[in-house]
Amino acid sequence: MYKTQREASEFLQGFMPQLEQTPQQREVVLCAPFTALSVMSTSLHGSRVQLGAQNIHWENAGAYTGEIAGDMLTELGVRYAIVGHSERRQYFGETDETVNKRLLAAQRHGLIPILCVGETKQQRDARETESIIINQLTKDLVDVNQEQLVIAYEPIWAIGTGDTCESSEANRVIGLIRSQLKVADVPIQYGGSVKSNNIDEIMAQPEIDGVLVGGASLEPDSFARIVNYQ
């Protein structure tokens, strides 16, 4: 929940020029608040940066105050939608059942969902990481087309805490996630206190295809350094 339309436009002015040397095969997606999507869509038209939303509802329309429908997003040129982010699960009652319905809705509208899975500190300390994540994947991915999917592993205990998951451990868990999928080349990202000073090490891991960035994406120079990892 950051950035007004004006602030989003200012961000792009500082960020976009820094992509001139970014390798073409790197995909860059900005998942903005709903109110900023329109102005960003206009600014990003014809550029290499894709637009993403932070959520999507499972119905096409209806009495669901405060929610957003697929058509409302695709009309703005949105290509991706985050589904099941830990903050949605933690603060807003998101369940694996509603995550599954949102995933299916995103794909129905031609959007690529970014499914977030991950464990809490309590679950990790109880050595339940593997069982929690396998359980999430099993329930979340029912009838989901894995050819049109991105998964993000975000250990909840590492989000905004500064307590980054060791890159080798993130790599191990992402390998576990991949072993549960029917499609081997689903892009799997790591998210959790990703910063400009740890991105090179994270992206050197063989199982990690990309990153889902939170706080470090709010400042143009910081996020550009992440996009331009070595």
Protein backbone atom coordinates (compact mmCIF):
# COMPACT_ATOMS: atom_id res chain seq x y z
CA MET A 1 0.00 0.00 0.00
CA TYR A 2 2.50 2.55 -1.29
CA LYS A 3 2.50 5.33 -3.90
CA THR A 4 -0.17 7.69 -5.16
CA GLN A 5 -0.52 8.16 -8.91
CA ARG A 6 1.89 11.10 -8.77
CA GLU A 7 4.43 9.13 -6.75
CA ALA A 8 4.14 6.18 -9.12
CA SER A 9 4.84 8.45 -12.10
CA GLU A 10 7.86 9.94 -10.33
CA PHE A 11 9.13 6.43 -9.58
CA LEU A 12 8.97 5.48 -13.26
CA GLN A 13 10.88 8.62 -14.26
CA GLY A 14 13.76 7.53 -12.05
CA PHE A 15 13.50 3.80 -12.77
CA MET A 16 12.95 3.34 -16.50
CA PRO A 17 16.22 4.95 -17.73
CA GLN A 18 18.14 2.41 -15.63
CA LEU A 19 16.81 -0.50 -17.70
CA GLU A 20 18.71 0.41 -20.86
CA GLN A 21 21.51 -2.07 -20.08
CA THR A 22 19.23 -4.78 -18.60
CA PRO A 23 19.48 -8.07 -20.54
CA GLN A 24 16.43 -8.47 -22.79
CA GLN A 25 15.53 -11.92 -21.45
CA ARG A 26 14.95 -10.52 -17.97
CA GLU A 27 11.28 -9.91 -17.30
CA VAL A 28 10.41 -6.92 -15.14
CA VAL A 29 6.95 -6.68 -13.55
CA LEU A 30 5.62 -3.86 -11.37
CA CYS A 31 2.66 -4.86 -9.17
CA ALA A 32 1.12 -1.56 -8.16
CA PRO A 33 -1.91 -0.59 -6.04
CA PHE A 34 -5.14 -0.54 -8.03
CA THR A 35 -5.32 3.27 -8.05
CA ALA A 36 -1.91 3.56 -9.75
CA LEU A 37 -2.50 0.96 -12.47
CA SER A 38 -4.11 3.28 -14.99
CA VAL A 39 -1.43 5.98 -14.97
CA MET A 40 1.30 3.34 -14.97
CA SER A 41 -0.31 1.47 -17.85
CA THR A 42 -0.19 4.66 -19.94
CA SER A 43 3.43 5.36 -19.00
CA LEU A 44 4.59 1.77 -19.60
CA HIS A 45 2.81 1.26 -22.93
CA GLY A 46 5.29 -0.07 -25.46
CA SER A 47 8.01 -0.56 -22.86
CA ARG A 48 9.59 -3.82 -21.67
CA VAL A 49 8.03 -3.53 -18.20
CA GLN A 50 4.86 -5.54 -17.54
CA LEU A 51 2.13 -4.45 -15.17
CA GLY A 52 0.79 -6.59 -12.34
CA ALA A 53 -1.99 -6.28 -9.76
CA GLN A 54 -1.73 -7.19 -6.09
CA ASN A 55 -4.92 -9.27 -6.02
CA ILE A 56 -7.91 -10.45 -8.04
CA HIS A 57 -11.39 -11.63 -7.05
CA TRP A 58 -12.79 -14.96 -8.21
CA GLU A 59 -16.09 -13.58 -9.53
CA ASN A 60 -16.44 -11.53 -12.72
CA ALA A 61 -18.74 -9.01 -10.99
CA GLY A 62 -21.01 -8.81 -7.98
CA ALA A 63 -21.59 -7.51 -4.48
CA TYR A 64 -18.00 -7.87 -3.29
CA THR A 65 -17.22 -4.43 -1.93
CA GLY A 66 -13.54 -3.58 -1.96
CA GLU A 67 -12.56 -6.37 -4.40
CA ILE A 68 -11.35 -6.17 -8.01
CA ALA A 69 -12.47 -8.23 -11.02
CA GLY A 70 -10.38 -9.64 -13.83
CA ASP A 71 -11.95 -7.47 -16.55
CA MET A 72 -11.12 -4.36 -14.54
CA LEU A 73 -7.46 -5.37 -14.63
CA THR A 74 -7.13 -6.60 -18.20
CA GLU A 75 -8.78 -3.38 -19.46
CA LEU A 76 -5.76 -1.55 -18.03
CA GLY A 77 -3.23 -3.82 -19.72
CA VAL A 78 -2.43 -5.77 -16.55
CA ARG A 79 -0.70 -9.10 -17.30
CA TYR A 80 -0.01 -10.53 -13.83
CA ALA A 81 -1.79 -10.79 -10.49
CA ILE A 82 -0.29 -11.68 -7.12
CA VAL A 83 -2.43 -14.31 -5.37
CA GLY A 84 -2.16 -15.57 -1.79
CA HIS A 85 0.47 -13.13 -0.59
CA SER A 86 1.35 -13.81 3.04
CA GLU A 87 -0.12 -10.47 4.11
CA ARG A 88 -3.45 -11.40 2.50
CA ARG A 89 -3.36 -14.73 4.32
CA GLN A 90 -2.22 -13.19 7.61
CA TYR A 91 -4.38 -10.05 7.83
CA PHE A 92 -7.36 -10.57 5.52
CA GLY A 93 -8.50 -14.14 6.06
CA GLU A 94 -7.19 -15.58 2.79
CA THR A 95 -7.42 -19.37 2.79
CA ASP A 96 -6.06 -22.02 0.43
CA GLU A 97 -9.62 -22.41 -0.87
CA THR A 98 -9.95 -18.71 -1.80
CA VAL A 99 -6.40 -18.68 -3.16
CA ASN A 100 -7.34 -21.51 -5.52
CA LYS A 101 -10.45 -19.64 -6.69
CA ARG A 102 -8.40 -16.48 -7.33
CA LEU A 103 -5.77 -18.44 -9.27
CA LEU A 104 -8.44 -19.96 -11.52
CA ALA A 105 -10.07 -16.55 -12.03
CA ALA A 106 -6.77 -14.96 -13.02
CA GLN A 107 -6.15 -17.64 -15.63
CA ARG A 108 -9.72 -17.42 -16.87
CA HIS A 109 -9.06 -13.76 -17.67
CA GLY A 110 -5.74 -14.48 -19.36
CA LEU A 111 -3.67 -13.19 -16.46
CA ILE A 112 -0.61 -15.01 -15.13
CA PRO A 113 -1.01 -15.45 -11.38
CA ILE A 114 1.98 -15.17 -9.05
CA LEU A 115 1.16 -17.67 -6.29
CA CYS A 116 2.82 -17.00 -2.94
CA VAL A 117 3.55 -19.82 -0.50
CA GLY A 118 5.63 -19.91 2.67
CA GLU A 119 5.82 -20.77 6.33
CA THR A 120 5.73 -18.74 9.57
CA LYS A 121 8.55 -18.57 12.12
CA GLN A 122 6.57 -20.83 14.43
CA GLN A 123 6.11 -23.43 11.69
CA ARG A 124 9.78 -23.31 10.72
CA ASP A 125 10.90 -23.70 14.33
CA ALA A 126 8.61 -26.74 14.57
CA ARG A 127 10.34 -28.19 11.47
CA GLU A 128 7.09 -28.07 9.51
CA THR A 129 8.37 -26.05 6.53
CA GLU A 130 8.17 -28.89 4.02
CA SER A 131 4.76 -30.19 5.09
CA ILE A 132 3.25 -26.67 5.20
CA ILE A 133 4.44 -25.79 1.70
CA ILE A 134 3.45 -29.12 0.16
CA ASN A 135 0.02 -28.75 1.75
CA GLN A 136 -0.35 -25.21 0.38
CA LEU A 137 0.63 -26.30 -3.12
CA THR A 138 -1.68 -29.32 -3.05
CA LYS A 139 -4.72 -27.21 -2.13
CA ASP A 140 -3.86 -24.05 -4.06
CA LEU A 141 -3.13 -25.68 -7.42
CA VAL A 142 -6.26 -27.79 -7.88
CA ASP A 143 -7.24 -27.52 -11.58
CA VAL A 144 -4.70 -24.70 -12.12
CA ASN A 145 -2.85 -24.62 -15.46
CA GLN A 146 0.80 -24.78 -14.48
CA GLU A 147 1.86 -23.61 -17.94
CA GLN A 148 0.50 -20.14 -17.03
CA LEU A 149 1.85 -19.71 -13.53
CA VAL A 150 4.60 -18.13 -11.44
CA ILE A 151 5.28 -19.27 -7.86
CA ALA A 152 6.98 -17.19 -5.18
CA TYR A 153 8.45 -18.78 -2.06
CA GLU A 154 8.20 -16.17 0.66
CA PRO A 155 9.17 -17.35 4.14
CA ILE A 156 6.89 -15.18 6.25
CA TRP A 157 9.51 -14.88 8.99
CA ALA A 158 11.88 -13.18 6.52
CA ILE A 159 9.50 -10.52 5.16
CA GLY A 160 10.27 -7.01 6.32
CA THR A 161 12.19 -8.35 9.30
CA GLY A 162 15.67 -7.98 7.84
CA ASP A 163 16.07 -11.68 8.68
CA THR A 164 16.82 -13.01 5.21
CA CYS A 165 16.55 -16.70 4.50
CA GLU A 166 20.00 -18.07 3.63
CA SER A 167 20.22 -18.25 -0.16
CA SER A 168 21.19 -21.93 -0.03
CA GLU A 169 18.13 -22.68 2.11
CA ALA A 170 15.86 -20.69 -0.21
CA ASN A 171 17.34 -22.69 -3.07
CA ARG A 172 16.59 -25.96 -1.25
CA VAL A 173 12.95 -25.06 -0.55
CA ILE A 174 12.42 -23.85 -4.11
CA GLY A 175 13.81 -27.17 -5.32
CA LEU A 176 11.23 -28.87 -3.08
CA ILE A 177 8.47 -26.73 -4.62
CA ARG A 178 9.63 -27.66 -8.12
CA SER A 179 9.53 -31.34 -7.22
CA GLN A 180 5.81 -31.01 -6.44
CA LEU A 181 4.88 -29.53 -9.83
CA LYS A 182 3.72 -31.20 -13.01
CA VAL A 183 5.48 -28.58 -15.15
CA ALA A 184 9.22 -28.44 -14.43
CA ASP A 185 9.92 -25.01 -15.87
CA VAL A 186 7.39 -22.98 -13.86
CA PRO A 187 9.27 -19.81 -12.86
CA ILE A 188 9.84 -19.93 -9.10
CA GLN A 189 10.89 -16.78 -7.27
CA TYR A 190 12.22 -16.05 -3.81
CA GLY A 191 10.70 -13.25 -1.74
CA GLY A 192 11.73 -12.11 1.72
CA SER A 193 13.98 -9.15 2.53
CA VAL A 194 15.46 -9.15 -0.98
CA LYS A 195 17.81 -6.17 -1.20
CA SER A 196 20.41 -4.69 -3.52
CA ASN A 197 23.18 -6.10 -1.32
CA ASN A 198 22.01 -9.75 -1.42
CA ILE A 199 20.46 -10.04 -4.89
CA ASP A 200 23.63 -11.31 -6.63
CA GLU A 201 24.01 -14.18 -4.16
CA ILE A 202 20.31 -15.08 -4.35
CA MET A 203 20.27 -15.15 -8.15
CA ALA A 204 23.43 -17.29 -8.26
CA GLN A 205 21.37 -20.17 -6.85
CA PRO A 206 20.43 -22.71 -9.55
CA GLU A 207 16.79 -23.26 -8.54
CA ILE A 208 15.88 -19.57 -8.12
CA ASP A 209 14.44 -18.00 -11.28
CA GLY A 210 13.67 -14.53 -9.94
CA VAL A 211 12.64 -12.50 -6.92
CA LEU A 212 9.47 -10.98 -5.51
CA VAL A 213 10.60 -7.69 -4.01
CA GLY A 214 8.83 -5.68 -1.33
CA GLY A 215 10.33 -2.68 0.44
CA ALA A 216 13.45 -2.55 -1.72
CA SER A 217 11.28 -1.98 -4.81
CA LEU A 218 9.95 1.36 -3.57
CA GLU A 219 13.06 3.37 -4.45
CA PRO A 220 14.10 3.52 -8.15
CA ASP A 221 17.85 3.10 -7.67
CA SER A 222 17.47 0.22 -5.22
CA PHE A 223 15.05 -1.69 -7.43
CA ALA A 224 17.08 -1.01 -10.58
CA ARG A 225 20.14 -2.53 -8.88
CA ILE A 226 18.06 -5.64 -8.12
CA VAL A 227 16.78 -5.87 -11.70
CA ASN A 228 20.35 -5.43 -12.94
CA TYR A 229 21.81 -8.14 -10.72
CA GLN A 230 25.20 -9.53 -11.71
